[in-house]
Amino acid sequence: MEELARKAGIPVRTLRFYRERKLLPPPRREGRIAWYDDRHLARLRTIAALLERGHTLNGIADLVTTFESGRGVGELFGLGEDAVVPSWTEETPVRLTPEALADHFAGEVTTENLAAALDLGYLATDGEEIVHVSRRLLDVSAALVREGVPLAAVLQAGRQVREHTTAMAEIFATMVRSHLAEEPAGEGGPANGAAADAPLERLRPLAKSVVEAELSMALDRLLRTEKEARPPGPDA
């Protein structure tokens, strides 16, 4: 314990206090000997970093509880504990320490928001790290928060968007599967003999273009309606 406290730069009594508050995972025990490792040191550094960012110990304790109850990376991707990023996703996951996540959303990393992000599948846990499923969504969410939109509102909008995009994906998949058969690899197929991409994977860019165009036109209509509803200016 003394060595761990020294590496973390805190008094032993502080370390004991953190243990009593269950801010640290229990050590590995061999008889009466307690062994601490890099995971405990990483947790102590995270606690120190969050305290520097204005979080209280009670708040950190709640975040730790929520964090430890979250889904692991393997569960998030549905591929088991030792899962790697699946080949069929176009999103780039981002590994973050809890303090780095706090920096992305200054003042907005609350227990409620963390729980919502975990529930949505935006975040997963991997040891003492957090994995965000999508670099693009992380960057957009952080940008909206910097513009003044509360993170809770961003997550709620994300939940609503998820419902609509899932429905759109199902519409496109049904259309493709109803009219296009699977394409087995022929003589001109891949050299390794693997099956050619299924039509749904091959035509995925078309589906994305349709969604982007339709969303753009929907925003055009909203903007036009808002402009038409405004009273004319004095120079009109």
Protein backbone atom coordinates (compact mmCIF):
# COMPACT_ATOMS: atom_id res chain seq x y z
CA MET A 1 0.00 0.00 0.00
CA GLU A 2 2.84 2.36 0.82
CA GLU A 3 4.42 1.81 -2.60
CA LEU A 4 1.10 2.46 -4.38
CA ALA A 5 0.57 5.67 -2.40
CA ARG A 6 4.10 6.80 -3.22
CA LYS A 7 3.63 6.19 -6.97
CA ALA A 8 0.30 8.05 -6.89
CA GLY A 9 1.78 10.92 -4.91
CA ILE A 10 -0.76 10.75 -2.10
CA PRO A 11 -0.52 10.00 1.63
CA VAL A 12 -1.27 6.44 2.76
CA ARG A 13 -4.18 7.74 4.85
CA THR A 14 -5.76 9.15 1.68
CA LEU A 15 -5.37 5.80 -0.01
CA ARG A 16 -7.04 4.08 2.93
CA PHE A 17 -9.86 6.63 2.78
CA TYR A 18 -10.40 5.91 -0.94
CA ARG A 19 -10.54 2.19 -0.16
CA GLU A 20 -13.15 2.80 2.53
CA ARG A 21 -15.21 4.82 0.05
CA LYS A 22 -14.90 1.92 -2.46
CA LEU A 23 -13.30 4.22 -5.01
CA LEU A 24 -10.68 1.53 -5.67
CA PRO A 25 -11.25 -2.04 -6.84
CA PRO A 26 -10.24 -4.58 -4.20
CA PRO A 27 -6.63 -5.77 -4.32
CA ARG A 28 -5.61 -9.32 -5.19
CA ARG A 29 -4.96 -11.20 -1.98
CA GLU A 30 -2.55 -13.99 -1.17
CA GLY A 31 -3.15 -14.90 2.42
CA ARG A 32 -2.80 -11.70 4.41
CA ILE A 33 -0.88 -9.91 1.64
CA ALA A 34 -2.75 -7.43 -0.60
CA TRP A 35 -1.33 -6.87 -4.06
CA TYR A 36 -2.00 -3.65 -5.95
CA ASP A 37 -1.22 -3.25 -9.65
CA ASP A 38 -1.27 -0.73 -12.50
CA ARG A 39 -5.06 -0.80 -12.55
CA HIS A 40 -5.18 0.65 -9.04
CA LEU A 41 -2.58 3.27 -9.92
CA ALA A 42 -4.58 4.28 -13.00
CA ARG A 43 -7.71 4.63 -10.86
CA LEU A 44 -5.89 6.84 -8.36
CA ARG A 45 -4.60 9.08 -11.15
CA THR A 46 -8.12 9.30 -12.56
CA ILE A 47 -9.49 10.32 -9.15
CA ALA A 48 -6.82 13.01 -8.83
CA ALA A 49 -7.52 14.31 -12.33
CA LEU A 50 -11.28 14.45 -11.74
CA LEU A 51 -10.78 16.25 -8.43
CA GLU A 52 -8.68 18.83 -10.26
CA ARG A 53 -11.57 19.30 -12.70
CA GLY A 54 -13.98 20.14 -9.91
CA HIS A 55 -15.64 16.77 -9.29
CA THR A 56 -16.43 15.87 -5.69
CA LEU A 57 -15.55 12.53 -4.13
CA ASN A 58 -19.26 11.70 -3.90
CA GLY A 59 -19.64 12.48 -7.57
CA ILE A 60 -16.59 10.41 -8.46
CA ALA A 61 -17.94 7.50 -6.41
CA ASP A 62 -21.21 7.65 -8.37
CA LEU A 63 -19.30 7.81 -11.67
CA VAL A 64 -17.19 4.80 -10.66
CA THR A 65 -20.31 2.79 -9.80
CA THR A 66 -21.91 3.68 -13.13
CA PHE A 67 -18.67 3.03 -15.01
CA GLU A 68 -18.21 -0.42 -13.45
CA SER A 69 -21.78 -1.42 -14.28
CA GLY A 70 -21.36 -0.52 -17.98
CA ARG A 71 -21.03 -2.94 -20.85
CA GLY A 72 -17.61 -4.13 -21.92
CA VAL A 73 -16.23 -3.63 -25.42
CA GLY A 74 -16.90 -7.23 -26.40
CA GLU A 75 -20.52 -6.98 -25.33
CA LEU A 76 -20.94 -3.68 -27.18
CA PHE A 77 -19.86 -5.22 -30.48
CA GLY A 78 -21.52 -8.55 -29.69
CA LEU A 79 -18.36 -10.54 -30.31
CA GLY A 80 -17.26 -11.79 -26.91
CA GLU A 81 -14.78 -10.56 -24.36
CA ASP A 82 -11.77 -10.63 -26.70
CA ALA A 83 -13.52 -8.80 -29.52
CA VAL A 84 -11.67 -6.59 -31.93
CA VAL A 85 -13.34 -3.88 -33.96
CA PRO A 86 -15.57 -5.73 -36.46
CA SER A 87 -14.63 -5.42 -40.12
CA TRP A 88 -18.12 -4.41 -41.18
CA THR A 89 -18.25 -1.17 -39.17
CA GLU A 90 -17.20 2.11 -40.73
CA GLU A 91 -16.90 3.86 -37.38
CA THR A 92 -13.59 4.39 -35.60
CA PRO A 93 -13.75 3.68 -31.85
CA VAL A 94 -11.86 6.04 -29.54
CA ARG A 95 -10.16 5.01 -26.31
CA LEU A 96 -10.39 7.58 -23.52
CA THR A 97 -9.44 7.82 -19.90
CA PRO A 98 -12.28 9.06 -17.69
CA GLU A 99 -10.48 12.39 -17.30
CA ALA A 100 -10.11 12.75 -21.08
CA LEU A 101 -13.85 12.17 -21.42
CA ALA A 102 -14.42 14.87 -18.80
CA ASP A 103 -12.26 17.24 -20.85
CA HIS A 104 -14.38 16.62 -23.95
CA PHE A 105 -17.56 17.56 -22.08
CA ALA A 106 -16.41 19.98 -19.41
CA GLY A 107 -18.86 20.00 -16.52
CA GLU A 108 -21.29 17.69 -18.33
CA VAL A 109 -19.94 14.26 -17.33
CA THR A 110 -22.54 13.44 -14.70
CA THR A 111 -23.73 10.07 -13.47
CA GLU A 112 -26.97 10.49 -15.42
CA ASN A 113 -25.23 11.40 -18.68
CA LEU A 114 -22.68 8.60 -18.31
CA ALA A 115 -25.46 6.09 -17.66
CA ALA A 116 -27.40 7.35 -20.70
CA ALA A 117 -24.33 7.10 -22.96
CA LEU A 118 -23.61 3.57 -21.71
CA ASP A 119 -27.24 2.57 -22.23
CA LEU A 120 -27.21 3.95 -25.79
CA GLY A 121 -24.07 1.99 -26.56
CA TYR A 122 -22.04 5.11 -27.29
CA LEU A 123 -19.65 4.13 -24.50
CA ALA A 124 -18.24 0.83 -23.28
CA THR A 125 -15.65 -0.09 -20.69
CA ASP A 126 -12.31 -1.81 -21.16
CA GLY A 127 -10.45 -2.08 -17.88
CA GLU A 128 -9.80 1.44 -16.63
CA GLU A 129 -10.46 2.93 -20.07
CA ILE A 130 -13.64 4.09 -21.76
CA VAL A 131 -14.25 3.29 -25.42
CA HIS A 132 -16.47 5.57 -27.48
CA VAL A 133 -17.95 3.64 -30.38
CA SER A 134 -17.57 6.43 -32.94
CA ARG A 135 -15.01 9.18 -33.41
CA ARG A 136 -17.53 11.11 -35.52
CA LEU A 137 -20.26 10.99 -32.89
CA LEU A 138 -17.79 11.94 -30.16
CA ASP A 139 -16.60 14.97 -32.12
CA VAL A 140 -20.12 16.10 -33.04
CA SER A 141 -21.40 15.67 -29.48
CA ALA A 142 -18.48 17.66 -28.08
CA ALA A 143 -19.01 20.40 -30.69
CA LEU A 144 -22.70 20.71 -29.78
CA VAL A 145 -21.84 20.96 -26.08
CA ARG A 146 -19.29 23.68 -26.84
CA GLU A 147 -22.05 25.55 -28.70
CA GLY A 148 -24.12 25.50 -25.52
CA VAL A 149 -26.37 22.47 -25.98
CA PRO A 150 -26.54 20.42 -22.76
CA LEU A 151 -25.10 16.93 -23.10
CA ALA A 152 -28.33 15.46 -21.73
CA ALA A 153 -30.20 17.05 -24.65
CA VAL A 154 -27.62 15.74 -27.12
CA LEU A 155 -28.02 12.21 -25.76
CA GLN A 156 -31.81 12.43 -25.84
CA ALA A 157 -31.68 13.60 -29.46
CA GLY A 158 -29.28 10.73 -30.19
CA ARG A 159 -31.78 8.26 -28.79
CA GLN A 160 -34.53 9.67 -31.04
CA VAL A 161 -32.27 9.72 -34.09
CA ARG A 162 -31.33 6.10 -33.39
CA GLU A 163 -34.96 5.05 -33.69
CA HIS A 164 -35.37 6.74 -37.07
CA THR A 165 -32.05 5.60 -38.53
CA THR A 166 -32.74 2.01 -37.47
CA ALA A 167 -36.04 2.19 -39.32
CA MET A 168 -34.32 3.65 -42.40
CA ALA A 169 -31.67 0.93 -42.36
CA GLU A 170 -34.39 -1.72 -42.21
CA ILE A 171 -36.24 -0.12 -45.16
CA PHE A 172 -33.10 -0.14 -47.29
CA ALA A 173 -32.13 -3.68 -46.24
CA THR A 174 -35.61 -5.00 -47.04
CA MET A 175 -35.53 -3.39 -50.49
CA VAL A 176 -32.09 -4.77 -51.32
CA ARG A 177 -32.77 -8.29 -50.03
CA SER A 178 -36.10 -8.43 -51.81
CA HIS A 179 -34.63 -7.64 -55.23
CA LEU A 180 -30.97 -8.66 -55.13
CA ALA A 181 -29.61 -12.10 -54.38
CA GLU A 182 -26.40 -12.86 -52.52
CA GLU A 183 -23.38 -12.73 -54.80
CA PRO A 184 -21.10 -15.76 -54.40
CA ALA A 185 -17.51 -15.35 -55.48
CA GLY A 186 -16.96 -16.53 -59.04
CA GLU A 187 -13.86 -17.08 -61.08
CA GLY A 188 -13.25 -13.36 -61.11
CA GLY A 189 -13.79 -13.07 -57.36
CA PRO A 190 -11.26 -12.53 -54.63
CA ALA A 191 -8.03 -14.44 -54.96
CA ASN A 192 -8.47 -16.06 -51.56
CA GLY A 193 -11.75 -17.60 -52.62
CA ALA A 194 -13.79 -15.64 -50.08
CA ALA A 195 -17.35 -14.76 -51.00
CA ALA A 196 -17.88 -11.39 -52.62
CA ASP A 197 -19.44 -8.63 -50.57
CA ALA A 198 -23.15 -9.08 -50.02
CA PRO A 199 -25.30 -6.55 -51.89
CA LEU A 200 -26.23 -4.79 -48.65
CA GLU A 201 -22.58 -4.14 -47.81
CA ARG A 202 -21.70 -3.19 -51.39
CA LEU A 203 -24.61 -0.75 -51.71
CA ARG A 204 -24.17 0.76 -48.27
CA PRO A 205 -22.72 4.02 -49.67
CA LEU A 206 -25.93 4.52 -51.68
CA ALA A 207 -28.06 4.21 -48.55
CA LYS A 208 -25.87 6.77 -46.77
CA SER A 209 -26.17 9.18 -49.72
CA VAL A 210 -29.96 8.88 -49.68
CA VAL A 211 -30.13 9.61 -45.94
CA GLU A 212 -27.75 12.56 -46.22
CA ALA A 213 -29.66 14.05 -49.16
CA GLU A 214 -33.06 13.57 -47.53
CA LEU A 215 -31.85 15.12 -44.26
CA SER A 216 -30.38 18.05 -46.16
CA MET A 217 -33.64 18.63 -48.03
CA ALA A 218 -35.63 18.33 -44.79
CA LEU A 219 -33.45 21.03 -43.24
CA ASP A 220 -33.96 23.13 -46.39
CA ARG A 221 -37.72 22.90 -45.89
CA LEU A 222 -37.47 23.83 -42.21
CA LEU A 223 -35.25 26.81 -42.93
CA ARG A 224 -37.53 28.00 -45.74
CA THR A 225 -40.59 27.69 -43.50
CA GLU A 226 -38.89 29.66 -40.72
CA LYS A 227 -37.79 32.39 -43.10
CA GLU A 228 -41.26 32.70 -44.60
CA ALA A 229 -42.81 32.93 -41.12
CA ARG A 230 -40.63 35.86 -40.09
CA PRO A 231 -42.23 39.31 -40.35
CA PRO A 232 -40.70 41.43 -43.08
CA GLY A 233 -37.95 43.80 -42.02
CA PRO A 234 -38.23 47.61 -42.21
CA ASP A 235 -36.44 47.63 -45.58
CA ALA A 236 -38.69 45.00 -47.15
